């Protein structure tokens, strides 16, 4: 994903006629520079996967996640305590990557042609928030994907709450 010259050009396409459009633009401007703002880090990730309505996990995936200079990588991946190398591609079930910085920015990418709508106000954790909904009918720039082997499914409808 190439970064436009300025946040203005990255966010300039957003609708101006919806209520609180300035707040939506503020989130877009933040997202446009998130890669540069987010510190480098290494963490241990545990992901429990469930099937259907079961409240009991079907398996557990663990990995070391590195976020270095805006790029995310995984290593030491284990499925139920057994090493699977550095990729989940050949394992059964759904898995995902890319949640540490790219997702929020990709929502605002002009190529995804997101449709934003102001959905109202909500009280969350004692704070008021403006709620925007958005729809990305077809991803042209990856936002978030679930993968199973070589198949990829991209969720289409997302909701976000923006604090005031």
C-alpha atoms as a PDB file:
ATOM      1  CA  UNK A   1       0.000   0.000   0.000  1.00  0.00           C
ATOM      2  CA  UNK A   2       1.636   3.242  -1.061  1.00  0.00           C
ATOM      3  CA  UNK A   3       1.233   6.301   1.122  1.00  0.00           C
ATOM      4  CA  UNK A   4      -0.088   9.428  -0.607  1.00  0.00           C
ATOM      5  CA  UNK A   5       2.002  12.597  -0.420  1.00  0.00           C
ATOM      6  CA  UNK A   6      -0.229  14.185   2.240  1.00  0.00           C
ATOM      7  CA  UNK A   7      -3.052  13.180   4.564  1.00  0.00           C
ATOM      8  CA  UNK A   8      -5.199  15.739   2.735  1.00  0.00           C
ATOM      9  CA  UNK A   9      -4.929  13.828  -0.527  1.00  0.00           C
ATOM     10  CA  UNK A  10      -5.512  10.532   1.298  1.00  0.00           C
ATOM     11  CA  UNK A  11      -8.663  11.782   3.070  1.00  0.00           C
ATOM     12  CA  UNK A  12      -9.883  14.350   0.542  1.00  0.00           C
ATOM     13  CA  UNK A  13     -12.448  12.000  -1.015  1.00  0.00           C
ATOM     14  CA  UNK A  14     -14.462  11.541   2.224  1.00  0.00           C
ATOM     15  CA  UNK A  15     -18.078  12.787   2.223  1.00  0.00           C
ATOM     16  CA  UNK A  16     -18.504  16.315   3.544  1.00  0.00           C
ATOM     17  CA  UNK A  17     -22.307  16.352   3.694  1.00  0.00           C
ATOM     18  CA  UNK A  18     -22.796  13.830   6.530  1.00  0.00           C
ATOM     19  CA  UNK A  19     -23.094  14.955  10.173  1.00  0.00           C
ATOM     20  CA  UNK A  20     -19.733  15.165  11.986  1.00  0.00           C
ATOM     21  CA  UNK A  21     -17.776  14.718   8.766  1.00  0.00           C
ATOM     22  CA  UNK A  22     -14.879  16.575  10.417  1.00  0.00           C
ATOM     23  CA  UNK A  23     -14.579  13.821  13.064  1.00  0.00           C
ATOM     24  CA  UNK A  24     -14.556  11.151  10.374  1.00  0.00           C
ATOM     25  CA  UNK A  25     -11.811  13.061   8.548  1.00  0.00           C
ATOM     26  CA  UNK A  26      -9.834  13.280  11.805  1.00  0.00           C
ATOM     27  CA  UNK A  27      -9.889   9.492  12.158  1.00  0.00           C
ATOM     28  CA  UNK A  28      -8.828   9.155   8.525  1.00  0.00           C
ATOM     29  CA  UNK A  29      -5.893  11.532   9.058  1.00  0.00           C
ATOM     30  CA  UNK A  30      -4.842   9.577  12.136  1.00  0.00           C
ATOM     31  CA  UNK A  31      -5.093   6.295  10.211  1.00  0.00           C
ATOM     32  CA  UNK A  32      -3.035   7.707   7.326  1.00  0.00           C
ATOM     33  CA  UNK A  33      -0.039   8.215   9.620  1.00  0.00           C
ATOM     34  CA  UNK A  34      -0.542   5.212  11.908  1.00  0.00           C
ATOM     35  CA  UNK A  35       2.312   3.226  10.367  1.00  0.00           C
ATOM     36  CA  UNK A  36       4.766   5.997  11.292  1.00  0.00           C
ATOM     37  CA  UNK A  37       3.262   6.596  14.749  1.00  0.00           C
ATOM     38  CA  UNK A  38       2.997   3.010  15.928  1.00  0.00           C
ATOM     39  CA  UNK A  39       6.117   1.868  17.783  1.00  0.00           C
ATOM     40  CA  UNK A  40       8.058  -1.241  16.859  1.00  0.00           C
ATOM     41  CA  UNK A  41       7.111  -4.147  19.126  1.00  0.00           C
ATOM     42  CA  UNK A  42       7.246  -7.887  19.623  1.00  0.00           C
ATOM     43  CA  UNK A  43       4.414  -9.717  21.360  1.00  0.00           C
ATOM     44  CA  UNK A  44       3.094 -13.194  22.013  1.00  0.00           C
ATOM     45  CA  UNK A  45      -0.368 -13.819  20.550  1.00  0.00           C
ATOM     46  CA  UNK A  46      -2.870 -16.512  21.553  1.00  0.00           C
ATOM     47  CA  UNK A  47      -5.927 -17.056  19.387  1.00  0.00           C
ATOM     48  CA  UNK A  48      -8.693 -19.452  20.390  1.00  0.00           C
ATOM     49  CA  UNK A  49     -10.863 -20.601  17.495  1.00  0.00           C
ATOM     50  CA  UNK A  50     -14.468 -21.667  17.893  1.00  0.00           C
ATOM     51  CA  UNK A  51     -16.892 -23.500  15.634  1.00  0.00           C
ATOM     52  CA  UNK A  52     -20.590 -22.655  15.390  1.00  0.00           C
ATOM     53  CA  UNK A  53     -22.226 -21.562  18.638  1.00  0.00           C
ATOM     54  CA  UNK A  54     -19.881 -23.613  20.805  1.00  0.00           C
ATOM     55  CA  UNK A  55     -18.382 -21.845  23.809  1.00  0.00           C
ATOM     56  CA  UNK A  56     -15.550 -24.354  23.878  1.00  0.00           C
ATOM     57  CA  UNK A  57     -12.555 -23.587  21.657  1.00  0.00           C
ATOM     58  CA  UNK A  58     -11.790 -26.120  18.928  1.00  0.00           C
ATOM     59  CA  UNK A  59      -8.101 -25.232  18.948  1.00  0.00           C
ATOM     60  CA  UNK A  60      -5.482 -22.711  20.044  1.00  0.00           C
ATOM     61  CA  UNK A  61      -2.997 -20.900  17.826  1.00  0.00           C
ATOM     62  CA  UNK A  62       0.022 -19.196  19.381  1.00  0.00           C
ATOM     63  CA  UNK A  63       2.664 -17.088  17.654  1.00  0.00           C
ATOM     64  CA  UNK A  64       5.288 -14.431  18.085  1.00  0.00           C
ATOM     65  CA  UNK A  65       4.179 -11.273  16.274  1.00  0.00           C
ATOM     66  CA  UNK A  66       6.629  -8.578  15.276  1.00  0.00           C
ATOM     67  CA  UNK A  67       5.610  -5.111  14.131  1.00  0.00           C
ATOM     68  CA  UNK A  68       8.771  -3.492  12.785  1.00  0.00           C
ATOM     69  CA  UNK A  69       8.848  -0.259  10.749  1.00  0.00           C
ATOM     70  CA  UNK A  70       5.183  -0.638   9.787  1.00  0.00           C
ATOM     71  CA  UNK A  71       5.427  -4.288   8.714  1.00  0.00           C
ATOM     72  CA  UNK A  72       3.851  -7.219  10.564  1.00  0.00           C
ATOM     73  CA  UNK A  73       5.386 -10.710  10.634  1.00  0.00           C
ATOM     74  CA  UNK A  74       4.651 -13.974  12.445  1.00  0.00           C
ATOM     75  CA  UNK A  75       7.020 -16.664  13.656  1.00  0.00           C
ATOM     76  CA  UNK A  76       7.092 -19.617  16.059  1.00  0.00           C
ATOM     77  CA  UNK A  77       3.511 -20.478  15.080  1.00  0.00           C
ATOM     78  CA  UNK A  78       1.963 -23.400  16.939  1.00  0.00           C
ATOM     79  CA  UNK A  79      -1.398 -25.112  16.565  1.00  0.00           C
ATOM     80  CA  UNK A  80      -2.427 -26.842  19.795  1.00  0.00           C
ATOM     81  CA  UNK A  81       1.180 -26.774  20.972  1.00  0.00           C
ATOM     82  CA  UNK A  82       2.640 -28.288  17.791  1.00  0.00           C
ATOM     83  CA  UNK A  83       4.913 -26.234  15.538  1.00  0.00           C
ATOM     84  CA  UNK A  84       3.532 -25.451  12.070  1.00  0.00           C
ATOM     85  CA  UNK A  85       6.456 -23.353  10.839  1.00  0.00           C
ATOM     86  CA  UNK A  86       5.965 -19.681  10.031  1.00  0.00           C
ATOM     87  CA  UNK A  87       2.679 -19.963   8.117  1.00  0.00           C
ATOM     88  CA  UNK A  88      -0.835 -21.157   8.839  1.00  0.00           C
ATOM     89  CA  UNK A  89      -1.529 -21.523   5.125  1.00  0.00           C
ATOM     90  CA  UNK A  90      -1.539 -25.322   5.157  1.00  0.00           C
ATOM     91  CA  UNK A  91      -3.536 -25.795   8.360  1.00  0.00           C
ATOM     92  CA  UNK A  92      -7.256 -26.494   8.596  1.00  0.00           C
ATOM     93  CA  UNK A  93      -9.679 -23.780   9.644  1.00  0.00           C
ATOM     94  CA  UNK A  94      -9.853 -20.007   9.303  1.00  0.00           C
ATOM     95  CA  UNK A  95      -7.005 -17.660  10.236  1.00  0.00           C
ATOM     96  CA  UNK A  96      -6.151 -14.017   9.748  1.00  0.00           C
ATOM     97  CA  UNK A  97      -3.227 -11.595   9.806  1.00  0.00           C
ATOM     98  CA  UNK A  98      -2.691  -7.876   9.382  1.00  0.00           C
ATOM     99  CA  UNK A  99      -4.638  -6.431  12.287  1.00  0.00           C
ATOM    100  CA  UNK A 100      -1.760  -4.380  13.741  1.00  0.00           C
ATOM    101  CA  UNK A 101      -1.960  -1.245  11.637  1.00  0.00           C
ATOM    102  CA  UNK A 102      -3.061  -1.873   8.103  1.00  0.00           C
ATOM    103  CA  UNK A 103      -6.760  -2.486   8.687  1.00  0.00           C
ATOM    104  CA  UNK A 104      -7.796   0.954   9.911  1.00  0.00           C
ATOM    105  CA  UNK A 105      -5.815   2.716   7.196  1.00  0.00           C
ATOM    106  CA  UNK A 106      -7.176   0.444   4.457  1.00  0.00           C
ATOM    107  CA  UNK A 107     -10.773   1.258   5.404  1.00  0.00           C
ATOM    108  CA  UNK A 108     -10.122   4.828   4.268  1.00  0.00           C
ATOM    109  CA  UNK A 109      -8.189   3.911   1.118  1.00  0.00           C
ATOM    110  CA  UNK A 110      -9.913   5.555  -1.860  1.00  0.00           C
ATOM    111  CA  UNK A 111      -9.635   2.316  -3.835  1.00  0.00           C
ATOM    112  CA  UNK A 112     -12.049   0.561  -1.462  1.00  0.00           C
ATOM    113  CA  UNK A 113     -14.771   3.117  -2.167  1.00  0.00           C
ATOM    114  CA  UNK A 114     -16.203   2.864   1.357  1.00  0.00           C
ATOM    115  CA  UNK A 115     -19.649   4.345   1.886  1.00  0.00           C
ATOM    116  CA  UNK A 116     -19.776   6.159   5.247  1.00  0.00           C
ATOM    117  CA  UNK A 117     -22.972   7.114   7.084  1.00  0.00           C
ATOM    118  CA  UNK A 118     -23.519   8.797  10.428  1.00  0.00           C
ATOM    119  CA  UNK A 119     -25.586   6.322  12.484  1.00  0.00           C
ATOM    120  CA  UNK A 120     -26.183   8.407  15.607  1.00  0.00           C
ATOM    121  CA  UNK A 121     -24.839   8.854  19.097  1.00  0.00           C
ATOM    122  CA  UNK A 122     -24.095   6.160  21.656  1.00  0.00           C
ATOM    123  CA  UNK A 123     -22.920   6.089  25.246  1.00  0.00           C
ATOM    124  CA  UNK A 124     -20.019   3.695  25.676  1.00  0.00           C
ATOM    125  CA  UNK A 125     -18.093   3.292  28.916  1.00  0.00           C
ATOM    126  CA  UNK A 126     -19.530   6.515  30.317  1.00  0.00           C
ATOM    127  CA  UNK A 127     -18.443   8.514  27.264  1.00  0.00           C
ATOM    128  CA  UNK A 128     -20.531   9.729  24.382  1.00  0.00           C
ATOM    129  CA  UNK A 129     -19.474   8.586  20.930  1.00  0.00           C
ATOM    130  CA  UNK A 130     -20.551   9.309  17.392  1.00  0.00           C
ATOM    131  CA  UNK A 131     -21.212   6.120  15.468  1.00  0.00           C
ATOM    132  CA  UNK A 132     -20.461   5.826  11.777  1.00  0.00           C
ATOM    133  CA  UNK A 133     -21.234   2.790   9.679  1.00  0.00           C
ATOM    134  CA  UNK A 134     -19.443   1.977   6.492  1.00  0.00           C
ATOM    135  CA  UNK A 135     -19.760  -0.545   3.741  1.00  0.00           C
ATOM    136  CA  UNK A 136     -16.982  -1.781   1.508  1.00  0.00           C
ATOM    137  CA  UNK A 137     -18.726  -3.725  -1.241  1.00  0.00           C
ATOM    138  CA  UNK A 138     -15.505  -4.952  -2.827  1.00  0.00           C
ATOM    139  CA  UNK A 139     -12.021  -4.651  -1.382  1.00  0.00           C
ATOM    140  CA  UNK A 140      -9.469  -3.340  -3.840  1.00  0.00           C
ATOM    141  CA  UNK A 141      -6.968  -2.641  -1.056  1.00  0.00           C
ATOM    142  CA  UNK A 142      -6.809  -5.349   1.662  1.00  0.00           C
ATOM    143  CA  UNK A 143      -8.601  -4.436   4.879  1.00  0.00           C
ATOM    144  CA  UNK A 144      -8.983  -7.662   6.807  1.00  0.00           C
ATOM    145  CA  UNK A 145      -9.235 -11.180   5.504  1.00  0.00           C
ATOM    146  CA  UNK A 146     -10.085 -14.602   6.836  1.00  0.00           C
ATOM    147  CA  UNK A 147      -8.107 -17.347   5.169  1.00  0.00           C
ATOM    148  CA  UNK A 148      -8.556 -21.088   4.874  1.00  0.00           C
ATOM    149  CA  UNK A 149      -5.816 -22.748   2.838  1.00  0.00           C
ATOM    150  CA  UNK A 150      -5.718 -20.870  -0.468  1.00  0.00           C
ATOM    151  CA  UNK A 151      -9.226 -19.404  -0.090  1.00  0.00           C
ATOM    152  CA  UNK A 152      -9.756 -15.840   1.152  1.00  0.00           C
ATOM    153  CA  UNK A 153     -12.975 -14.305   2.485  1.00  0.00           C
ATOM    154  CA  UNK A 154     -13.134 -10.566   3.104  1.00  0.00           C
ATOM    155  CA  UNK A 155     -15.791  -9.212   5.487  1.00  0.00           C
ATOM    156  CA  UNK A 156     -17.880  -6.448   3.920  1.00  0.00           C
ATOM    157  CA  UNK A 157     -19.728  -4.491   6.602  1.00  0.00           C
ATOM    158  CA  UNK A 158     -17.932  -2.836   9.499  1.00  0.00           C
ATOM    159  CA  UNK A 159     -18.970  -0.484  12.312  1.00  0.00           C
ATOM    160  CA  UNK A 160     -16.831   2.007  14.173  1.00  0.00           C
ATOM    161  CA  UNK A 161     -17.532   4.399  17.016  1.00  0.00           C
ATOM    162  CA  UNK A 162     -15.634   7.654  17.114  1.00  0.00           C
ATOM    163  CA  UNK A 163     -15.249   9.398  20.485  1.00  0.00           C
ATOM    164  CA  UNK A 164     -16.006  13.065  20.766  1.00  0.00           C
END
